[in-house]
Amino acid sequence: MRTVVWQSLSETQQDAILERPAISEGKNITASVAEVIAKVREEGDAALFELTEKFDRVT
């Protein structure tokens, strides 16, 4: 997480911080989610264990 002092930012910097990544990268996010769903459908619990370790770093 990044901490910023709002008052020290220019208006352009404030706008950039408020921009939601999901809006600008929506297609990438949708594709990534589709890959995860397909993997779980194909591999079942094995995929869940693998993905849990990958994303949560928990075995």
N, C-alpha and C. Protein backbone atom coordinates (compact mmCIF):
# COMPACT_ATOMS: atom_id res chain seq x y z
N MET A 1 0.84 -1.16 0.00
CA MET A 1 0.00 0.00 0.00
C MET A 1 0.89 1.24 0.00
N ARG A 2 0.46 2.21 -0.75
CA ARG A 2 1.22 3.45 -0.87
C ARG A 2 0.48 4.56 -0.11
N THR A 3 1.19 5.32 0.68
CA THR A 3 0.61 6.44 1.41
C THR A 3 0.98 7.74 0.71
N VAL A 4 -0.01 8.62 0.54
CA VAL A 4 0.24 9.91 -0.09
C VAL A 4 -0.36 11.01 0.76
N VAL A 5 0.20 12.20 0.65
CA VAL A 5 -0.36 13.39 1.30
C VAL A 5 -1.17 14.12 0.24
N TRP A 6 -2.47 14.01 0.36
CA TRP A 6 -3.39 14.51 -0.67
C TRP A 6 -3.13 15.98 -1.02
N GLN A 7 -2.93 16.80 -0.03
CA GLN A 7 -2.74 18.22 -0.26
C GLN A 7 -1.46 18.55 -1.03
N SER A 8 -0.50 17.65 -1.00
CA SER A 8 0.76 17.91 -1.68
C SER A 8 0.73 17.51 -3.15
N LEU A 9 -0.37 16.89 -3.59
CA LEU A 9 -0.48 16.42 -4.97
C LEU A 9 -1.11 17.48 -5.87
N SER A 10 -0.68 17.48 -7.12
CA SER A 10 -1.33 18.36 -8.10
C SER A 10 -2.69 17.76 -8.45
N GLU A 11 -3.50 18.53 -9.11
CA GLU A 11 -4.83 18.04 -9.50
C GLU A 11 -4.71 16.83 -10.43
N THR A 12 -3.73 16.84 -11.31
CA THR A 12 -3.50 15.71 -12.22
C THR A 12 -3.12 14.46 -11.44
N GLN A 13 -2.26 14.61 -10.44
CA GLN A 13 -1.86 13.47 -9.61
C GLN A 13 -3.04 12.94 -8.80
N GLN A 14 -3.87 13.84 -8.29
CA GLN A 14 -5.05 13.40 -7.55
C GLN A 14 -5.99 12.61 -8.45
N ASP A 15 -6.20 13.10 -9.68
CA ASP A 15 -7.05 12.37 -10.63
C ASP A 15 -6.48 10.98 -10.93
N ALA A 16 -5.17 10.90 -11.08
CA ALA A 16 -4.54 9.61 -11.39
C ALA A 16 -4.72 8.63 -10.24
N ILE A 17 -4.62 9.10 -9.00
CA ILE A 17 -4.78 8.23 -7.84
C ILE A 17 -6.21 7.72 -7.73
N LEU A 18 -7.16 8.57 -8.09
CA LEU A 18 -8.56 8.18 -7.97
C LEU A 18 -9.04 7.26 -9.10
N GLU A 19 -8.24 7.16 -10.16
CA GLU A 19 -8.61 6.29 -11.28
C GLU A 19 -8.64 4.85 -10.82
N ARG A 20 -9.69 4.15 -11.18
CA ARG A 20 -9.85 2.77 -10.76
C ARG A 20 -9.19 1.84 -11.77
N PRO A 21 -8.23 1.03 -11.34
CA PRO A 21 -7.55 0.12 -12.27
C PRO A 21 -8.50 -0.84 -12.96
N ALA A 22 -9.54 -1.24 -12.29
CA ALA A 22 -10.48 -2.19 -12.88
C ALA A 22 -11.13 -1.62 -14.13
N ILE A 23 -11.30 -0.32 -14.17
CA ILE A 23 -11.91 0.30 -15.34
C ILE A 23 -10.92 0.32 -16.50
N SER A 24 -9.70 0.70 -16.24
CA SER A 24 -8.70 0.80 -17.31
C SER A 24 -8.15 -0.56 -17.72
N GLU A 25 -8.23 -1.55 -16.85
CA GLU A 25 -7.69 -2.87 -17.16
C GLU A 25 -8.77 -3.95 -17.13
N GLY A 26 -10.00 -3.57 -17.37
CA GLY A 26 -11.13 -4.49 -17.28
C GLY A 26 -10.97 -5.76 -18.11
N LYS A 27 -10.47 -5.63 -19.33
CA LYS A 27 -10.32 -6.79 -20.21
C LYS A 27 -9.29 -7.77 -19.65
N ASN A 28 -8.19 -7.24 -19.10
CA ASN A 28 -7.16 -8.11 -18.53
C ASN A 28 -7.69 -8.85 -17.31
N ILE A 29 -8.45 -8.15 -16.49
CA ILE A 29 -9.01 -8.77 -15.29
C ILE A 29 -10.00 -9.86 -15.67
N THR A 30 -10.86 -9.57 -16.64
CA THR A 30 -11.85 -10.54 -17.09
C THR A 30 -11.17 -11.79 -17.64
N ALA A 31 -10.12 -11.61 -18.41
CA ALA A 31 -9.40 -12.75 -18.97
C ALA A 31 -8.74 -13.58 -17.86
N SER A 32 -8.17 -12.92 -16.87
CA SER A 32 -7.52 -13.63 -15.76
C SER A 32 -8.53 -14.44 -14.96
N VAL A 33 -9.68 -13.84 -14.70
CA VAL A 33 -10.72 -14.55 -13.95
C VAL A 33 -11.23 -15.74 -14.74
N ALA A 34 -11.40 -15.57 -16.04
CA ALA A 34 -11.86 -16.67 -16.89
C ALA A 34 -10.87 -17.83 -16.86
N GLU A 35 -9.57 -17.53 -16.84
CA GLU A 35 -8.55 -18.58 -16.76
C GLU A 35 -8.65 -19.34 -15.44
N VAL A 36 -8.85 -18.62 -14.35
CA VAL A 36 -8.97 -19.27 -13.04
C VAL A 36 -10.19 -20.17 -13.02
N ILE A 37 -11.30 -19.69 -13.50
CA ILE A 37 -12.53 -20.49 -13.51
C ILE A 37 -12.36 -21.74 -14.36
N ALA A 38 -11.77 -21.59 -15.54
CA ALA A 38 -11.55 -22.74 -16.41
C ALA A 38 -10.64 -23.77 -15.75
N LYS A 39 -9.59 -23.30 -15.09
CA LYS A 39 -8.66 -24.21 -14.42
C LYS A 39 -9.37 -25.00 -13.32
N VAL A 40 -10.19 -24.32 -12.54
CA VAL A 40 -10.92 -24.99 -11.45
C VAL A 40 -11.92 -25.99 -12.03
N ARG A 41 -12.59 -25.63 -13.10
CA ARG A 41 -13.53 -26.57 -13.73
C ARG A 41 -12.82 -27.81 -14.25
N GLU A 42 -11.63 -27.64 -14.81
CA GLU A 42 -10.89 -28.76 -15.39
C GLU A 42 -10.20 -29.61 -14.34
N GLU A 43 -9.60 -28.96 -13.32
CA GLU A 43 -8.75 -29.67 -12.38
C GLU A 43 -9.35 -29.84 -10.99
N GLY A 44 -10.46 -29.19 -10.73
CA GLY A 44 -11.15 -29.35 -9.45
C GLY A 44 -10.32 -28.90 -8.25
N ASP A 45 -10.35 -29.74 -7.21
CA ASP A 45 -9.68 -29.40 -5.96
C ASP A 45 -8.18 -29.16 -6.12
N ALA A 46 -7.56 -29.89 -7.03
CA ALA A 46 -6.11 -29.71 -7.23
C ALA A 46 -5.82 -28.28 -7.65
N ALA A 47 -6.66 -27.73 -8.51
CA ALA A 47 -6.49 -26.34 -8.94
C ALA A 47 -6.70 -25.39 -7.78
N LEU A 48 -7.68 -25.68 -6.94
CA LEU A 48 -7.93 -24.81 -5.78
C LEU A 48 -6.74 -24.78 -4.84
N PHE A 49 -6.15 -25.95 -4.60
CA PHE A 49 -4.97 -26.00 -3.74
C PHE A 49 -3.82 -25.19 -4.36
N GLU A 50 -3.61 -25.38 -5.66
CA GLU A 50 -2.54 -24.67 -6.36
C GLU A 50 -2.77 -23.15 -6.34
N LEU A 51 -3.99 -22.73 -6.62
CA LEU A 51 -4.31 -21.31 -6.67
C LEU A 51 -4.25 -20.66 -5.29
N THR A 52 -4.65 -21.41 -4.27
CA THR A 52 -4.57 -20.90 -2.91
C THR A 52 -3.11 -20.64 -2.54
N GLU A 53 -2.25 -21.56 -2.92
CA GLU A 53 -0.82 -21.38 -2.63
C GLU A 53 -0.26 -20.19 -3.43
N LYS A 54 -0.68 -20.08 -4.68
CA LYS A 54 -0.18 -19.00 -5.55
C LYS A 54 -0.63 -17.63 -5.06
N PHE A 55 -1.91 -17.46 -4.80
CA PHE A 55 -2.44 -16.14 -4.47
C PHE A 55 -2.38 -15.80 -2.98
N ASP A 56 -2.61 -16.78 -2.14
CA ASP A 56 -2.65 -16.54 -0.70
C ASP A 56 -1.37 -16.92 0.02
N ARG A 57 -0.50 -17.63 -0.69
CA ARG A 57 0.78 -18.12 -0.15
C ARG A 57 0.55 -18.96 1.11
N VAL A 58 -0.45 -19.83 0.99
CA VAL A 58 -0.81 -20.73 2.08
C VAL A 58 -0.95 -22.13 1.50
N THR A 59 -0.42 -23.12 2.19
CA THR A 59 -0.58 -24.50 1.73
C THR A 59 -1.61 -25.22 2.57
